[in-house]
Amino acid sequence: MSARRNCLALLCLPALGHATTLAFIGPELAGVYQIRNGQAHGELVTLLNQLGKQAGIEWEYRHASPARVELTLQSQPKVCSLLLQGKRQGGNYQVMGGLGRHAIVAYSALHDTLTLSDLDNLPVSQRLGFGTGLKGLLLRQKRLNITEHPSLATAVQLVSLGRARVLLTTQIGMYSLQPTPLLRRVGTVVEADNVLACSPQLPPGVAQGLRKALRNWLIPFAL
């Protein structure tokens, strides 16, 4: 067989595409996002793996606290995570598209009989909130103002000690705290869209593939 025929038979075939590896970071959530012995498990992991197949991406899963997620997106390349829709969109990260919904939940002290209908009557100082973009979201959808707190663990402690009446935050954020906070779940205040957000250094072709896969995404997902 001539060199030309060798080329036609073997070397001139189009190269197969290689999957791009991206890191996905998020807090541990039983049954949804867990990593044990280097293996990731849970409903979110299953969905991300399906999304990755459509977009030509392999995920490297890592744990990160809610407070660290956005900082990591800003500082490390090729990293993605779930964020609340409505968070600021600038040079800190880029939004790929929607991926399910998040529950914003009210929590009170165990002995408190507070109900969702009581929230409007509380002073703003008694309504603590944790989560980037949460204040704007609650103002837009519920006209409910909150006092933002920089630490979820400290906010939980203030409510449990009676120094504030209620804490409003994401359900996934509360589930990530260990040990489990001793607060009473009052109820869901509002649901907000999740977005898959990635670091701004993501290659344009990879970002385009993710956006296209998310536009075709039909599987519902809620946290």
C-alpha atoms as a PDB file:
ATOM      1  CA  MET A   1       0.000   0.000   0.000  1.00  0.00           C
ATOM      2  CA  SER A   2       1.415   3.375  -0.998  1.00  0.00           C
ATOM      3  CA  ALA A   3       2.082   6.221   1.429  1.00  0.00           C
ATOM      4  CA  ARG A   4      -0.867   8.075  -0.107  1.00  0.00           C
ATOM      5  CA  ARG A   5      -3.148   5.093   0.523  1.00  0.00           C
ATOM      6  CA  ASN A   6      -1.843   4.840   4.091  1.00  0.00           C
ATOM      7  CA  CYS A   7      -2.825   8.473   4.594  1.00  0.00           C
ATOM      8  CA  LEU A   8      -6.260   7.908   3.162  1.00  0.00           C
ATOM      9  CA  ALA A   9      -6.834   4.762   5.212  1.00  0.00           C
ATOM     10  CA  LEU A  10      -5.480   5.928   8.551  1.00  0.00           C
ATOM     11  CA  LEU A  11      -3.948   9.355   8.970  1.00  0.00           C
ATOM     12  CA  CYS A  12      -6.439  11.470   7.098  1.00  0.00           C
ATOM     13  CA  LEU A  13      -9.452  10.487   9.155  1.00  0.00           C
ATOM     14  CA  PRO A  14     -10.861  13.470  11.150  1.00  0.00           C
ATOM     15  CA  ALA A  15      -9.578  13.538  14.699  1.00  0.00           C
ATOM     16  CA  LEU A  16     -12.054  12.574  17.370  1.00  0.00           C
ATOM     17  CA  GLY A  17     -12.957  15.387  19.735  1.00  0.00           C
ATOM     18  CA  HIS A  18     -11.597  15.272  23.256  1.00  0.00           C
ATOM     19  CA  ALA A  19     -13.736  16.225  26.234  1.00  0.00           C
ATOM     20  CA  THR A  20     -12.713  19.341  28.136  1.00  0.00           C
ATOM     21  CA  THR A  21     -12.252  18.886  31.894  1.00  0.00           C
ATOM     22  CA  LEU A  22     -13.902  21.483  34.133  1.00  0.00           C
ATOM     23  CA  ALA A  23     -14.143  21.594  37.924  1.00  0.00           C
ATOM     24  CA  PHE A  24     -17.595  21.808  39.507  1.00  0.00           C
ATOM     25  CA  ILE A  25     -17.652  23.091  43.091  1.00  0.00           C
ATOM     26  CA  GLY A  26     -20.438  23.238  45.650  1.00  0.00           C
ATOM     27  CA  PRO A  27     -21.391  22.398  49.231  1.00  0.00           C
ATOM     28  CA  GLU A  28     -22.176  18.829  50.231  1.00  0.00           C
ATOM     29  CA  LEU A  29     -25.889  18.006  50.188  1.00  0.00           C
ATOM     30  CA  ALA A  30     -27.064  14.499  51.095  1.00  0.00           C
ATOM     31  CA  GLY A  31     -28.590  12.708  48.127  1.00  0.00           C
ATOM     32  CA  VAL A  32     -27.889  15.643  45.818  1.00  0.00           C
ATOM     33  CA  TYR A  33     -24.150  16.375  45.808  1.00  0.00           C
ATOM     34  CA  GLN A  34     -21.702  14.192  47.740  1.00  0.00           C
ATOM     35  CA  ILE A  35     -18.119  13.074  47.216  1.00  0.00           C
ATOM     36  CA  ARG A  36     -16.907   9.878  48.901  1.00  0.00           C
ATOM     37  CA  ASN A  37     -13.529   8.219  48.299  1.00  0.00           C
ATOM     38  CA  GLY A  38     -12.986  10.373  45.258  1.00  0.00           C
ATOM     39  CA  GLN A  39     -16.346   9.463  43.688  1.00  0.00           C
ATOM     40  CA  ALA A  40     -19.192  11.946  43.283  1.00  0.00           C
ATOM     41  CA  HIS A  41     -22.800  10.873  43.818  1.00  0.00           C
ATOM     42  CA  GLY A  42     -26.262  12.405  43.903  1.00  0.00           C
ATOM     43  CA  GLU A  43     -29.032  13.825  41.749  1.00  0.00           C
ATOM     44  CA  LEU A  44     -27.083  16.929  40.765  1.00  0.00           C
ATOM     45  CA  VAL A  45     -24.066  14.842  39.796  1.00  0.00           C
ATOM     46  CA  THR A  46     -26.232  12.650  37.548  1.00  0.00           C
ATOM     47  CA  LEU A  47     -27.696  15.697  35.807  1.00  0.00           C
ATOM     48  CA  LEU A  48     -24.304  17.356  35.366  1.00  0.00           C
ATOM     49  CA  ASN A  49     -22.865  14.175  33.869  1.00  0.00           C
ATOM     50  CA  GLN A  50     -25.706  14.118  31.327  1.00  0.00           C
ATOM     51  CA  LEU A  51     -25.161  17.785  30.575  1.00  0.00           C
ATOM     52  CA  GLY A  52     -21.429  17.170  30.182  1.00  0.00           C
ATOM     53  CA  LYS A  53     -22.028  14.457  27.584  1.00  0.00           C
ATOM     54  CA  GLN A  54     -24.089  16.873  25.513  1.00  0.00           C
ATOM     55  CA  ALA A  55     -21.506  19.656  25.824  1.00  0.00           C
ATOM     56  CA  GLY A  56     -18.349  17.523  25.488  1.00  0.00           C
ATOM     57  CA  ILE A  57     -17.266  18.151  29.089  1.00  0.00           C
ATOM     58  CA  GLU A  58     -15.928  15.925  31.851  1.00  0.00           C
ATOM     59  CA  TRP A  59     -16.470  17.213  35.388  1.00  0.00           C
ATOM     60  CA  GLU A  60     -13.997  17.088  38.238  1.00  0.00           C
ATOM     61  CA  TYR A  61     -16.141  17.396  41.378  1.00  0.00           C
ATOM     62  CA  ARG A  62     -14.993  19.247  44.502  1.00  0.00           C
ATOM     63  CA  HIS A  63     -16.573  20.451  47.729  1.00  0.00           C
ATOM     64  CA  ALA A  64     -16.692  24.161  48.563  1.00  0.00           C
ATOM     65  CA  SER A  65     -18.676  26.117  51.132  1.00  0.00           C
ATOM     66  CA  PRO A  66     -21.269  28.630  49.838  1.00  0.00           C
ATOM     67  CA  ALA A  67     -18.990  31.463  50.995  1.00  0.00           C
ATOM     68  CA  ARG A  68     -16.074  30.097  48.950  1.00  0.00           C
ATOM     69  CA  VAL A  69     -17.921  29.335  45.722  1.00  0.00           C
ATOM     70  CA  GLU A  70     -18.027  32.834  44.257  1.00  0.00           C
ATOM     71  CA  LEU A  71     -14.466  33.631  45.353  1.00  0.00           C
ATOM     72  CA  THR A  72     -13.236  30.490  43.611  1.00  0.00           C
ATOM     73  CA  LEU A  73     -15.147  31.317  40.418  1.00  0.00           C
ATOM     74  CA  GLN A  74     -13.385  34.678  40.331  1.00  0.00           C
ATOM     75  CA  SER A  75      -9.880  33.401  41.045  1.00  0.00           C
ATOM     76  CA  GLN A  76      -9.561  30.012  39.317  1.00  0.00           C
ATOM     77  CA  PRO A  77      -9.956  29.130  35.621  1.00  0.00           C
ATOM     78  CA  LYS A  78     -12.214  26.369  34.303  1.00  0.00           C
ATOM     79  CA  VAL A  79     -14.473  26.228  37.380  1.00  0.00           C
ATOM     80  CA  CYS A  80     -18.288  26.172  37.470  1.00  0.00           C
ATOM     81  CA  SER A  81     -20.989  26.117  40.146  1.00  0.00           C
ATOM     82  CA  LEU A  82     -24.699  26.746  40.735  1.00  0.00           C
ATOM     83  CA  LEU A  83     -25.675  30.303  41.692  1.00  0.00           C
ATOM     84  CA  LEU A  84     -28.953  32.096  42.255  1.00  0.00           C
ATOM     85  CA  GLN A  85     -30.446  33.881  39.260  1.00  0.00           C
ATOM     86  CA  GLY A  86     -30.199  37.617  39.767  1.00  0.00           C
ATOM     87  CA  LYS A  87     -26.680  37.659  41.191  1.00  0.00           C
ATOM     88  CA  ARG A  88     -24.515  40.348  39.713  1.00  0.00           C
ATOM     89  CA  GLN A  89     -23.094  39.517  36.328  1.00  0.00           C
ATOM     90  CA  GLY A  90     -19.875  41.347  35.596  1.00  0.00           C
ATOM     91  CA  GLY A  91     -16.305  40.281  35.073  1.00  0.00           C
ATOM     92  CA  ASN A  92     -16.365  38.016  38.139  1.00  0.00           C
ATOM     93  CA  TYR A  93     -17.950  35.050  36.334  1.00  0.00           C
ATOM     94  CA  GLN A  94     -20.058  34.270  33.286  1.00  0.00           C
ATOM     95  CA  VAL A  95     -23.530  32.732  33.317  1.00  0.00           C
ATOM     96  CA  MET A  96     -24.025  29.731  31.036  1.00  0.00           C
ATOM     97  CA  GLY A  97     -27.785  29.342  31.495  1.00  0.00           C
ATOM     98  CA  GLY A  98     -30.538  28.160  33.808  1.00  0.00           C
ATOM     99  CA  LEU A  99     -30.373  24.818  35.604  1.00  0.00           C
ATOM    100  CA  GLY A 100     -33.362  24.154  37.846  1.00  0.00           C
ATOM    101  CA  ARG A 101     -34.616  26.123  40.837  1.00  0.00           C
ATOM    102  CA  HIS A 102     -33.549  27.022  44.371  1.00  0.00           C
ATOM    103  CA  ALA A 103     -35.749  27.341  47.454  1.00  0.00           C
ATOM    104  CA  ILE A 104     -35.318  30.422  49.670  1.00  0.00           C
ATOM    105  CA  VAL A 105     -36.415  29.263  53.121  1.00  0.00           C
ATOM    106  CA  ALA A 106     -37.225  31.054  56.385  1.00  0.00           C
ATOM    107  CA  TYR A 107     -35.831  29.578  59.624  1.00  0.00           C
ATOM    108  CA  SER A 108     -36.654  30.560  63.220  1.00  0.00           C
ATOM    109  CA  ALA A 109     -35.561  29.436  66.680  1.00  0.00           C
ATOM    110  CA  LEU A 110     -36.987  26.078  67.739  1.00  0.00           C
ATOM    111  CA  HIS A 111     -39.304  27.603  70.368  1.00  0.00           C
ATOM    112  CA  ASP A 112     -40.566  30.408  68.080  1.00  0.00           C
ATOM    113  CA  THR A 113     -44.096  30.171  66.631  1.00  0.00           C
ATOM    114  CA  LEU A 114     -43.349  32.569  63.760  1.00  0.00           C
ATOM    115  CA  THR A 115     -45.258  31.980  60.505  1.00  0.00           C
ATOM    116  CA  LEU A 116     -44.589  33.143  56.959  1.00  0.00           C
ATOM    117  CA  SER A 117     -47.419  35.680  57.254  1.00  0.00           C
ATOM    118  CA  ASP A 118     -45.570  37.307  60.174  1.00  0.00           C
ATOM    119  CA  LEU A 119     -42.463  38.169  58.144  1.00  0.00           C
ATOM    120  CA  ASP A 120     -43.788  41.482  56.800  1.00  0.00           C
ATOM    121  CA  ASN A 121     -44.453  42.754  60.321  1.00  0.00           C
ATOM    122  CA  LEU A 122     -40.943  42.160  61.648  1.00  0.00           C
ATOM    123  CA  PRO A 123     -38.395  45.004  61.825  1.00  0.00           C
ATOM    124  CA  VAL A 124     -35.714  44.702  59.155  1.00  0.00           C
ATOM    125  CA  SER A 125     -33.133  44.206  61.920  1.00  0.00           C
ATOM    126  CA  GLN A 126     -34.961  41.007  62.936  1.00  0.00           C
ATOM    127  CA  ARG A 127     -34.869  39.550  59.415  1.00  0.00           C
ATOM    128  CA  LEU A 128     -31.373  38.221  58.711  1.00  0.00           C
ATOM    129  CA  GLY A 129     -30.343  37.015  55.282  1.00  0.00           C
ATOM    130  CA  PHE A 130     -27.336  35.180  53.918  1.00  0.00           C
ATOM    131  CA  GLY A 131     -26.442  34.797  50.264  1.00  0.00           C
ATOM    132  CA  THR A 132     -25.109  36.997  47.481  1.00  0.00           C
ATOM    133  CA  GLY A 133     -27.993  38.469  45.509  1.00  0.00           C
ATOM    134  CA  LEU A 134     -30.571  37.320  48.066  1.00  0.00           C
ATOM    135  CA  LYS A 135     -31.526  40.817  49.225  1.00  0.00           C
ATOM    136  CA  GLY A 136     -32.269  42.050  45.722  1.00  0.00           C
ATOM    137  CA  LEU A 137     -34.206  38.900  44.900  1.00  0.00           C
ATOM    138  CA  LEU A 138     -36.476  39.199  47.962  1.00  0.00           C
ATOM    139  CA  LEU A 139     -37.045  42.911  47.347  1.00  0.00           C
ATOM    140  CA  ARG A 140     -38.040  42.305  43.725  1.00  0.00           C
ATOM    141  CA  GLN A 141     -40.255  39.293  44.226  1.00  0.00           C
ATOM    142  CA  LYS A 142     -41.620  39.796  47.741  1.00  0.00           C
ATOM    143  CA  ARG A 143     -40.884  43.459  48.590  1.00  0.00           C
ATOM    144  CA  LEU A 144     -39.221  42.040  51.682  1.00  0.00           C
ATOM    145  CA  ASN A 145     -36.116  43.784  52.978  1.00  0.00           C
ATOM    146  CA  ILE A 146     -33.501  41.955  55.055  1.00  0.00           C
ATOM    147  CA  THR A 147     -30.332  42.648  57.007  1.00  0.00           C
ATOM    148  CA  GLU A 148     -27.547  40.870  55.161  1.00  0.00           C
ATOM    149  CA  HIS A 149     -25.086  38.922  57.299  1.00  0.00           C
ATOM    150  CA  PRO A 150     -21.612  37.883  56.079  1.00  0.00           C
ATOM    151  CA  SER A 151     -21.528  34.546  57.937  1.00  0.00           C
ATOM    152  CA  LEU A 152     -24.214  31.873  57.684  1.00  0.00           C
ATOM    153  CA  ALA A 153     -23.000  30.062  60.809  1.00  0.00           C
ATOM    154  CA  THR A 154     -23.093  33.282  62.862  1.00  0.00           C
ATOM    155  CA  ALA A 155     -26.538  34.202  61.527  1.00  0.00           C
ATOM    156  CA  VAL A 156     -27.828  30.776  62.584  1.00  0.00           C
ATOM    157  CA  GLN A 157     -26.425  31.357  66.082  1.00  0.00           C
ATOM    158  CA  LEU A 158     -28.049  34.805  66.367  1.00  0.00           C
ATOM    159  CA  VAL A 159     -31.467  33.392  65.486  1.00  0.00           C
ATOM    160  CA  SER A 160     -31.099  30.385  67.783  1.00  0.00           C
ATOM    161  CA  LEU A 161     -30.217  32.733  70.676  1.00  0.00           C
ATOM    162  CA  GLY A 162     -33.214  34.962  69.976  1.00  0.00           C
ATOM    163  CA  ARG A 163     -31.192  37.990  68.894  1.00  0.00           C
ATOM    164  CA  ALA A 164     -33.008  37.918  65.539  1.00  0.00           C
ATOM    165  CA  ARG A 165     -36.364  36.337  64.745  1.00  0.00           C
ATOM    166  CA  VAL A 166     -35.759  34.808  61.342  1.00  0.00           C
ATOM    167  CA  LEU A 167     -33.038  33.790  58.905  1.00  0.00           C
ATOM    168  CA  LEU A 168     -33.718  33.708  55.176  1.00  0.00           C
ATOM    169  CA  THR A 169     -31.272  31.768  53.059  1.00  0.00           C
ATOM    170  CA  THR A 170     -31.022  29.011  50.487  1.00  0.00           C
ATOM    171  CA  GLN A 171     -32.009  25.521  51.523  1.00  0.00           C
ATOM    172  CA  ILE A 172     -28.809  24.061  50.075  1.00  0.00           C
ATOM    173  CA  GLY A 173     -26.735  26.492  52.120  1.00  0.00           C
ATOM    174  CA  MET A 174     -28.368  25.363  55.374  1.00  0.00           C
ATOM    175  CA  TYR A 175     -27.944  21.706  54.484  1.00  0.00           C
ATOM    176  CA  SER A 176     -24.229  22.290  53.973  1.00  0.00           C
ATOM    177  CA  LEU A 177     -23.658  23.307  57.608  1.00  0.00           C
ATOM    178  CA  GLN A 178     -22.244  20.684  59.953  1.00  0.00           C
ATOM    179  CA  PRO A 179     -23.511  19.906  62.500  1.00  0.00           C
ATOM    180  CA  THR A 180     -27.084  20.463  61.322  1.00  0.00           C
ATOM    181  CA  PRO A 181     -28.381  23.811  62.664  1.00  0.00           C
ATOM    182  CA  LEU A 182     -30.971  23.576  65.442  1.00  0.00           C
ATOM    183  CA  LEU A 183     -33.510  25.875  63.836  1.00  0.00           C
ATOM    184  CA  ARG A 184     -37.158  25.426  62.883  1.00  0.00           C
ATOM    185  CA  ARG A 185     -38.029  25.484  59.195  1.00  0.00           C
ATOM    186  CA  VAL A 186     -40.827  28.042  58.888  1.00  0.00           C
ATOM    187  CA  GLY A 187     -41.409  27.521  55.179  1.00  0.00           C
ATOM    188  CA  THR A 188     -40.391  28.417  51.630  1.00  0.00           C
ATOM    189  CA  VAL A 189     -40.573  32.155  50.999  1.00  0.00           C
ATOM    190  CA  VAL A 190     -39.852  32.092  47.275  1.00  0.00           C
ATOM    191  CA  GLU A 191     -38.234  29.954  44.615  1.00  0.00           C
ATOM    192  CA  ALA A 192     -35.561  31.340  42.333  1.00  0.00           C
ATOM    193  CA  ASP A 193     -33.895  30.056  39.210  1.00  0.00           C
ATOM    194  CA  ASN A 194     -30.480  28.459  39.478  1.00  0.00           C
ATOM    195  CA  VAL A 195     -27.872  29.410  36.930  1.00  0.00           C
ATOM    196  CA  LEU A 196     -24.767  27.485  35.988  1.00  0.00           C
ATOM    197  CA  ALA A 197     -21.973  30.040  36.351  1.00  0.00           C
ATOM    198  CA  CYS A 198     -18.359  29.549  35.322  1.00  0.00           C
ATOM    199  CA  SER A 199     -15.084  31.429  35.640  1.00  0.00           C
ATOM    200  CA  PRO A 200     -14.532  34.216  33.114  1.00  0.00           C
ATOM    201  CA  GLN A 201     -11.398  32.474  31.744  1.00  0.00           C
ATOM    202  CA  LEU A 202     -13.495  29.640  30.256  1.00  0.00           C
ATOM    203  CA  PRO A 203     -12.568  29.126  26.576  1.00  0.00           C
ATOM    204  CA  PRO A 204     -15.255  30.587  24.265  1.00  0.00           C
ATOM    205  CA  GLY A 205     -15.872  27.256  22.532  1.00  0.00           C
ATOM    206  CA  VAL A 206     -16.453  25.481  25.838  1.00  0.00           C
ATOM    207  CA  ALA A 207     -18.816  28.218  27.032  1.00  0.00           C
ATOM    208  CA  GLN A 208     -20.725  28.034  23.757  1.00  0.00           C
ATOM    209  CA  GLY A 209     -21.130  24.256  24.121  1.00  0.00           C
ATOM    210  CA  LEU A 210     -22.472  24.593  27.662  1.00  0.00           C
ATOM    211  CA  ARG A 211     -24.917  27.323  26.687  1.00  0.00           C
ATOM    212  CA  LYS A 212     -26.232  25.281  23.778  1.00  0.00           C
ATOM    213  CA  ALA A 213     -26.700  22.180  25.973  1.00  0.00           C
ATOM    214  CA  LEU A 214     -28.522  24.203  28.641  1.00  0.00           C
ATOM    215  CA  ARG A 215     -30.880  25.754  26.075  1.00  0.00           C
ATOM    216  CA  ASN A 216     -31.971  22.220  25.178  1.00  0.00           C
ATOM    217  CA  TRP A 217     -32.235  21.124  28.826  1.00  0.00           C
ATOM    218  CA  LEU A 218     -35.701  19.795  29.652  1.00  0.00           C
ATOM    219  CA  ILE A 219     -35.184  17.889  32.932  1.00  0.00           C
ATOM    220  CA  PRO A 220     -36.622  19.740  35.982  1.00  0.00           C
ATOM    221  CA  PHE A 221     -34.351  20.098  38.993  1.00  0.00           C
ATOM    222  CA  ALA A 222     -35.057  21.736  42.337  1.00  0.00           C
ATOM    223  CA  LEU A 223     -32.972  22.270  45.497  1.00  0.00           C
END
